[in-house]
């Protein structure tokens, strides 16, 4: 009978159950990591809108232009937070169609653009 070096038999039901449990735990952690990123993105959007909307509302109260700067603040907060999410999660994703654009500044590129000639 073959053993796995840790006292368990290769192909034993206990070892198979343990491997399946580890795989389920790993999949569960992957799922929750994605949920954390989603909550982070939602918090960034809500926070950006609340902060910049509040700034616009405060300036509106001081100046007397009631809804104008509040609306501008909400829009600025919305677009700024979407830009922050883009920078955090999507900016560094390499594009396989244009590998020469993905090289960092000063680093040799992995090929160049197709020659126009």
Protein backbone atom coordinates (compact mmCIF):
# COMPACT_ATOMS: atom_id res chain seq x y z
CA UNK A 1 0.00 0.00 0.00
CA UNK A 2 1.47 3.41 -0.99
CA UNK A 3 1.47 6.34 1.40
CA UNK A 4 1.73 10.06 0.75
CA UNK A 5 4.59 10.68 3.22
CA UNK A 6 2.26 12.19 5.83
CA UNK A 7 0.82 8.92 7.07
CA UNK A 8 -2.16 8.90 4.68
CA UNK A 9 -2.84 6.45 1.92
CA UNK A 10 -2.76 7.73 -1.64
CA UNK A 11 -6.34 7.82 -2.92
CA UNK A 12 -7.88 7.23 0.49
CA UNK A 13 -11.34 8.72 1.09
CA UNK A 14 -10.02 10.93 3.90
CA UNK A 15 -7.33 12.40 1.68
CA UNK A 16 -9.82 13.02 -1.13
CA UNK A 17 -12.24 14.75 1.28
CA UNK A 18 -9.42 16.90 2.64
CA UNK A 19 -8.35 17.92 -0.89
CA UNK A 20 -11.93 18.78 -1.87
CA UNK A 21 -12.40 20.82 1.32
CA UNK A 22 -9.21 22.77 0.60
CA UNK A 23 -10.41 23.48 -2.94
CA UNK A 24 -13.79 24.72 -1.65
CA UNK A 25 -12.05 26.96 0.88
CA UNK A 26 -9.80 28.40 -1.81
CA UNK A 27 -12.77 29.07 -4.10
CA UNK A 28 -14.66 30.71 -1.25
CA UNK A 29 -11.72 33.04 -0.55
CA UNK A 30 -11.54 33.98 -4.25
CA UNK A 31 -15.24 34.81 -4.26
CA UNK A 32 -15.00 36.99 -1.16
CA UNK A 33 -11.95 38.80 -2.51
CA UNK A 34 -14.06 39.87 -5.48
CA UNK A 35 -16.83 40.99 -3.14
CA UNK A 36 -14.34 43.12 -1.24
CA UNK A 37 -13.22 44.81 -4.43
CA UNK A 38 -16.84 45.49 -5.37
CA UNK A 39 -17.58 47.06 -1.98
CA UNK A 40 -14.40 49.11 -2.27
CA UNK A 41 -15.51 50.44 -5.68
CA UNK A 42 -18.99 51.24 -4.37
CA UNK A 43 -17.55 53.05 -1.37
CA UNK A 44 -15.26 55.06 -3.63
CA UNK A 45 -18.18 56.18 -5.81
CA UNK A 46 -20.47 57.03 -2.88
CA UNK A 47 -17.65 58.79 -1.03
CA UNK A 48 -16.63 60.84 -4.05
CA UNK A 49 -20.18 61.96 -4.71
CA UNK A 50 -20.77 62.78 -1.02
CA UNK A 51 -17.52 64.72 -0.54
CA UNK A 52 -17.65 66.76 -3.75
CA UNK A 53 -21.41 67.21 -3.51
CA UNK A 54 -20.91 68.51 0.03
CA UNK A 55 -18.21 70.91 -1.14
CA UNK A 56 -20.51 72.19 -3.88
CA UNK A 57 -23.40 72.52 -1.43
CA UNK A 58 -21.25 74.47 1.02
CA UNK A 59 -20.03 76.86 -1.64
CA UNK A 60 -23.62 77.21 -2.90
CA UNK A 61 -24.71 78.27 0.60
CA UNK A 62 -21.91 80.84 0.80
CA UNK A 63 -22.40 82.27 -2.68
CA UNK A 64 -26.18 81.93 -2.93
CA UNK A 65 -26.37 79.92 -6.18
CA UNK A 66 -28.44 77.13 -4.66
CA UNK A 67 -28.40 74.04 -6.90
CA UNK A 68 -25.72 74.95 -9.45
CA UNK A 69 -22.46 74.18 -7.64
CA UNK A 70 -24.02 71.25 -5.78
CA UNK A 71 -24.85 69.57 -9.10
CA UNK A 72 -21.38 70.36 -10.46
CA UNK A 73 -19.82 68.91 -7.28
CA UNK A 74 -21.86 65.72 -7.57
CA UNK A 75 -20.82 65.30 -11.21
CA UNK A 76 -17.16 66.01 -10.45
CA UNK A 77 -17.25 63.52 -7.55
CA UNK A 78 -18.87 60.88 -9.73
CA UNK A 79 -16.39 61.19 -12.59
CA UNK A 80 -13.39 61.51 -10.26
CA UNK A 81 -14.35 58.36 -8.37
CA UNK A 82 -14.91 56.41 -11.59
CA UNK A 83 -11.47 57.55 -12.74
CA UNK A 84 -9.94 56.39 -9.44
CA UNK A 85 -11.56 52.98 -9.86
CA UNK A 86 -10.20 52.78 -13.40
CA UNK A 87 -6.69 53.63 -12.21
CA UNK A 88 -6.83 51.11 -9.37
CA UNK A 89 -8.30 48.11 -11.17
CA UNK A 90 -7.98 48.50 -14.94
CA UNK A 91 -5.03 50.71 -15.89
CA UNK A 92 -2.27 48.10 -15.59
CA UNK A 93 -4.07 45.31 -17.41
CA UNK A 94 -1.86 44.48 -20.42
CA UNK A 95 -3.37 44.57 -23.87
CA UNK A 96 -2.15 41.59 -25.93
CA UNK A 97 -2.95 43.41 -29.19
CA UNK A 98 -0.46 46.23 -28.45
CA UNK A 99 2.40 44.81 -26.35
CA UNK A 100 4.75 47.67 -27.29
CA UNK A 101 2.52 50.11 -25.42
CA UNK A 102 2.68 48.10 -22.20
CA UNK A 103 6.44 48.48 -21.60
CA UNK A 104 7.28 50.83 -18.72
CA UNK A 105 9.09 54.08 -19.49
CA UNK A 106 12.71 53.45 -20.37
CA UNK A 107 12.30 49.68 -20.57
CA UNK A 108 12.85 47.90 -23.86
CA UNK A 109 9.57 47.07 -25.51
CA UNK A 110 8.51 43.56 -26.47
CA UNK A 111 8.40 44.30 -30.14
CA UNK A 112 7.24 47.41 -31.85
CA UNK A 113 4.26 48.64 -33.76
CA UNK A 114 3.83 47.29 -37.27
CA UNK A 115 5.90 49.22 -39.80
CA UNK A 116 3.90 51.60 -41.94
CA UNK A 117 6.23 51.14 -44.89
